[in-house]
Amino acid sequence: QVQLQESGPGLVKPSQTLSCAASGGAFSSYIMGWFRQAPEKAREFVGYISSSGTSTYYADSVKGRFAISRDNAKNRVFLQMNSLRPEDTAVYYCARGPFGSSSNLQLADRNSYDYWGQGTQVTVSS
């Protein structure tokens, strides 16, 4: 059974990093993604990182501000968030993607992910 657990600060400063700890699976073999969901909005793609950590891809809304990294030795994936805006306020989720590679279009689709964390609230005040 794969389990994902996000952790984060809640009310954030202009820059902050979320962490996701994985257990129960071959973490280093899978793509990992981050999504977010604001109140009364659909869950949206934030970005993903390849299994090796050498490749990343981001939604236009966060490109240049957010960065995803991973530590396969510690089964963790990170979302560093810079230049945060009030519109970044949402519940953030990490999720396990496919084994191996896939297209950016498929990896932006939540249906490509099979295990999800419970989510962590990020609130950015104006």
C-alpha atoms as a PDB file:
ATOM      1  CA  GLN A   1       0.000   0.000   0.000  1.00  0.00           C
ATOM      2  CA  VAL A   2       1.469   3.316  -1.102  1.00  0.00           C
ATOM      3  CA  GLN A   3       1.027   6.258   1.229  1.00  0.00           C
ATOM      4  CA  LEU A   4       1.847   9.896   0.585  1.00  0.00           C
ATOM      5  CA  GLN A   5       1.992  12.532   3.308  1.00  0.00           C
ATOM      6  CA  GLU A   6       2.399  16.219   2.574  1.00  0.00           C
ATOM      7  CA  SER A   7       3.651  18.738   5.096  1.00  0.00           C
ATOM      8  CA  GLY A   8       3.797  22.476   4.908  1.00  0.00           C
ATOM      9  CA  PRO A   9       3.558  25.675   6.921  1.00  0.00           C
ATOM     10  CA  GLY A  10      -0.074  26.642   6.356  1.00  0.00           C
ATOM     11  CA  LEU A  11       0.160  30.411   6.340  1.00  0.00           C
ATOM     12  CA  VAL A  12       3.165  31.018   4.193  1.00  0.00           C
ATOM     13  CA  LYS A  13       5.805  33.636   3.745  1.00  0.00           C
ATOM     14  CA  PRO A  14       6.652  34.895   0.252  1.00  0.00           C
ATOM     15  CA  SER A  15       8.754  31.757  -0.256  1.00  0.00           C
ATOM     16  CA  GLN A  16       8.163  28.327   1.230  1.00  0.00           C
ATOM     17  CA  THR A  17       8.771  24.652   0.558  1.00  0.00           C
ATOM     18  CA  LEU A  18       6.282  21.815   0.823  1.00  0.00           C
ATOM     19  CA  SER A  19       7.453  18.286   1.429  1.00  0.00           C
ATOM     20  CA  CYS A  20       5.847  14.959   0.549  1.00  0.00           C
ATOM     21  CA  ALA A  21       7.024  11.723   2.155  1.00  0.00           C
ATOM     22  CA  ALA A  22       6.270   8.459   0.367  1.00  0.00           C
ATOM     23  CA  SER A  23       6.173   4.969   1.761  1.00  0.00           C
ATOM     24  CA  GLY A  24       5.201   1.533   0.557  1.00  0.00           C
ATOM     25  CA  GLY A  25       6.344   1.616  -3.042  1.00  0.00           C
ATOM     26  CA  ALA A  26       9.335   1.798  -5.371  1.00  0.00           C
ATOM     27  CA  PHE A  27       9.447   5.570  -5.085  1.00  0.00           C
ATOM     28  CA  SER A  28      12.434   6.123  -7.355  1.00  0.00           C
ATOM     29  CA  SER A  29      10.704   4.364 -10.278  1.00  0.00           C
ATOM     30  CA  TYR A  30       7.724   6.687 -10.503  1.00  0.00           C
ATOM     31  CA  ILE A  31       7.013  10.179 -11.728  1.00  0.00           C
ATOM     32  CA  MET A  32       5.706  12.407  -8.932  1.00  0.00           C
ATOM     33  CA  GLY A  33       3.331  15.301  -9.387  1.00  0.00           C
ATOM     34  CA  TRP A  34       1.901  18.221  -7.463  1.00  0.00           C
ATOM     35  CA  PHE A  35      -1.648  19.501  -7.827  1.00  0.00           C
ATOM     36  CA  ARG A  36      -3.661  22.125  -5.998  1.00  0.00           C
ATOM     37  CA  GLN A  37      -7.297  22.890  -5.366  1.00  0.00           C
ATOM     38  CA  ALA A  38      -8.665  26.274  -4.406  1.00  0.00           C
ATOM     39  CA  PRO A  39     -12.117  26.612  -2.806  1.00  0.00           C
ATOM     40  CA  GLU A  40     -14.913  25.900  -5.275  1.00  0.00           C
ATOM     41  CA  LYS A  41     -12.445  25.215  -8.076  1.00  0.00           C
ATOM     42  CA  ALA A  42     -11.338  22.047  -9.794  1.00  0.00           C
ATOM     43  CA  ARG A  43      -8.068  20.418  -8.836  1.00  0.00           C
ATOM     44  CA  GLU A  44      -5.373  21.775 -11.116  1.00  0.00           C
ATOM     45  CA  PHE A  45      -1.967  20.574 -12.198  1.00  0.00           C
ATOM     46  CA  VAL A  46       1.057  22.371 -10.733  1.00  0.00           C
ATOM     47  CA  GLY A  47       3.978  20.330 -12.032  1.00  0.00           C
ATOM     48  CA  TYR A  48       5.745  17.001 -12.125  1.00  0.00           C
ATOM     49  CA  ILE A  49       9.226  15.576 -11.792  1.00  0.00           C
ATOM     50  CA  SER A  50      10.624  12.545 -13.568  1.00  0.00           C
ATOM     51  CA  SER A  51      11.565   9.441 -11.619  1.00  0.00           C
ATOM     52  CA  SER A  52      15.261  10.290 -11.777  1.00  0.00           C
ATOM     53  CA  GLY A  53      14.686  13.934 -10.938  1.00  0.00           C
ATOM     54  CA  THR A  54      16.404  15.155 -14.090  1.00  0.00           C
ATOM     55  CA  SER A  55      13.269  16.495 -15.764  1.00  0.00           C
ATOM     56  CA  THR A  56      10.478  18.766 -14.574  1.00  0.00           C
ATOM     57  CA  TYR A  57       7.450  20.389 -16.147  1.00  0.00           C
ATOM     58  CA  TYR A  58       5.190  23.123 -14.780  1.00  0.00           C
ATOM     59  CA  ALA A  59       1.854  24.751 -15.356  1.00  0.00           C
ATOM     60  CA  ASP A  60       2.132  28.208 -16.890  1.00  0.00           C
ATOM     61  CA  SER A  61       0.607  29.738 -13.757  1.00  0.00           C
ATOM     62  CA  VAL A  62       3.605  28.714 -11.636  1.00  0.00           C
ATOM     63  CA  LYS A  63       6.420  28.495 -14.185  1.00  0.00           C
ATOM     64  CA  GLY A  64       9.433  30.460 -13.064  1.00  0.00           C
ATOM     65  CA  ARG A  65       8.156  30.724  -9.481  1.00  0.00           C
ATOM     66  CA  PHE A  66       7.809  27.103  -8.338  1.00  0.00           C
ATOM     67  CA  ALA A  67      10.376  24.315  -8.481  1.00  0.00           C
ATOM     68  CA  ILE A  68       9.978  20.596  -7.856  1.00  0.00           C
ATOM     69  CA  SER A  69      12.801  18.405  -6.636  1.00  0.00           C
ATOM     70  CA  ARG A  70      13.108  14.945  -5.136  1.00  0.00           C
ATOM     71  CA  ASP A  71      15.380  12.917  -2.906  1.00  0.00           C
ATOM     72  CA  ASN A  72      15.031   9.292  -3.938  1.00  0.00           C
ATOM     73  CA  ALA A  73      17.265   8.101  -1.111  1.00  0.00           C
ATOM     74  CA  LYS A  74      14.779   9.541   1.391  1.00  0.00           C
ATOM     75  CA  ASN A  75      11.586   8.896  -0.612  1.00  0.00           C
ATOM     76  CA  ARG A  76      10.661  12.569  -0.613  1.00  0.00           C
ATOM     77  CA  VAL A  77       9.509  15.093  -3.178  1.00  0.00           C
ATOM     78  CA  PHE A  78       9.528  18.848  -2.617  1.00  0.00           C
ATOM     79  CA  LEU A  79       7.687  21.835  -3.982  1.00  0.00           C
ATOM     80  CA  GLN A  80       9.567  25.078  -3.522  1.00  0.00           C
ATOM     81  CA  MET A  81       7.281  28.055  -3.934  1.00  0.00           C
ATOM     82  CA  ASN A  82       8.678  31.539  -4.517  1.00  0.00           C
ATOM     83  CA  SER A  83       7.045  34.903  -5.155  1.00  0.00           C
ATOM     84  CA  LEU A  84       3.787  33.597  -3.748  1.00  0.00           C
ATOM     85  CA  ARG A  85       0.548  35.371  -4.604  1.00  0.00           C
ATOM     86  CA  PRO A  86      -2.878  35.289  -2.959  1.00  0.00           C
ATOM     87  CA  GLU A  87      -4.152  33.295  -5.942  1.00  0.00           C
ATOM     88  CA  ASP A  88      -1.757  30.496  -4.974  1.00  0.00           C
ATOM     89  CA  THR A  89      -3.918  29.871  -1.914  1.00  0.00           C
ATOM     90  CA  ALA A  90      -5.164  26.279  -2.149  1.00  0.00           C
ATOM     91  CA  VAL A  91      -4.843  22.800  -0.762  1.00  0.00           C
ATOM     92  CA  TYR A  92      -1.731  21.267  -2.294  1.00  0.00           C
ATOM     93  CA  TYR A  93      -1.497  17.562  -3.069  1.00  0.00           C
ATOM     94  CA  CYS A  94       1.355  15.317  -4.065  1.00  0.00           C
ATOM     95  CA  ALA A  95       0.548  12.308  -6.203  1.00  0.00           C
ATOM     96  CA  ARG A  96       2.263   9.293  -7.689  1.00  0.00           C
ATOM     97  CA  GLY A  97       2.377   9.260 -11.457  1.00  0.00           C
ATOM     98  CA  PRO A  98       3.219   6.566 -13.961  1.00  0.00           C
ATOM     99  CA  PHE A  99       6.081   4.108 -13.882  1.00  0.00           C
ATOM    100  CA  GLY A 100       8.572   5.343 -16.470  1.00  0.00           C
ATOM    101  CA  SER A 101       7.835   8.195 -18.850  1.00  0.00           C
ATOM    102  CA  SER A 102       4.727   9.779 -20.304  1.00  0.00           C
ATOM    103  CA  SER A 103       3.765  12.890 -22.241  1.00  0.00           C
ATOM    104  CA  ASN A 104       3.404  16.305 -20.629  1.00  0.00           C
ATOM    105  CA  LEU A 105      -0.224  16.366 -21.708  1.00  0.00           C
ATOM    106  CA  GLN A 106      -0.971  13.086 -19.974  1.00  0.00           C
ATOM    107  CA  LEU A 107       0.969  14.067 -16.877  1.00  0.00           C
ATOM    108  CA  ALA A 108      -1.043  17.253 -16.507  1.00  0.00           C
ATOM    109  CA  ASP A 109      -4.159  15.091 -16.186  1.00  0.00           C
ATOM    110  CA  ARG A 110      -5.012  14.025 -12.646  1.00  0.00           C
ATOM    111  CA  ASN A 111      -6.237  10.691 -14.011  1.00  0.00           C
ATOM    112  CA  SER A 112      -2.612   9.729 -14.698  1.00  0.00           C
ATOM    113  CA  TYR A 113      -1.929   9.584 -10.946  1.00  0.00           C
ATOM    114  CA  ASP A 114      -2.936   6.649  -8.802  1.00  0.00           C
ATOM    115  CA  TYR A 115      -2.018   7.547  -5.222  1.00  0.00           C
ATOM    116  CA  TRP A 116      -2.606  10.891  -3.536  1.00  0.00           C
ATOM    117  CA  GLY A 117      -1.667  12.534  -0.291  1.00  0.00           C
ATOM    118  CA  GLN A 118      -4.300  14.013   1.981  1.00  0.00           C
ATOM    119  CA  GLY A 119      -3.328  17.559   1.030  1.00  0.00           C
ATOM    120  CA  THR A 120      -1.853  20.475   2.919  1.00  0.00           C
ATOM    121  CA  GLN A 121      -3.363  23.947   3.099  1.00  0.00           C
ATOM    122  CA  VAL A 122      -1.340  26.882   1.799  1.00  0.00           C
ATOM    123  CA  THR A 123      -2.711  30.324   2.506  1.00  0.00           C
ATOM    124  CA  VAL A 124      -1.086  33.425   1.049  1.00  0.00           C
ATOM    125  CA  SER A 125      -2.351  36.670   2.483  1.00  0.00           C
ATOM    126  CA  SER A 126      -2.578  39.801   0.380  1.00  0.00           C
END
